[in-house]
Amino acid sequence: MTDWTRATEIAHAVLLHLAQDPDLLGQLCAETGLSPADLRDTAGQPGFVGAMLDFIAADDRRLLDFAAEAGVAPDAVARLRAAVEAGIVRP
C-alpha cells in the first residue's frame, strides 16, 4: 500500500468519524465554511485528504479520539499529515 493510499483511507475514516459526531462535524463546517452537503462533494477533490488530516490533527483531543476509534497510531496520522502538506506524499 502506498502512503497516498493510506492517507486517503485515513481521510475517509476521518469523514466517517465526523459524520458520527454532530459537534465535531459542526466544528469542521464552522472552520471551513462548508456545509455537510459540501463535504460529500469535496471527498473526491484534490485537497480533501490534506484538509481532513489537517482538521483532525490540529487538536490533540480530536486526534487522540479519532485514532482510538479508528485503530491507528496518532503519530502515524501526524506523519502523514506533514508528508501530504510538504508534498512528499501525493497522488
Foldseek 3Di string as FASTA:
>chain_A
DDLLVVLLVLLVLLLVVCVVPVVLVVVLCVVPVDDNVVLVVCSPPQCSSLSSLCSQLVDPVSLVVSCVVVVHDSVSSVVSNVCVVVVVDGD
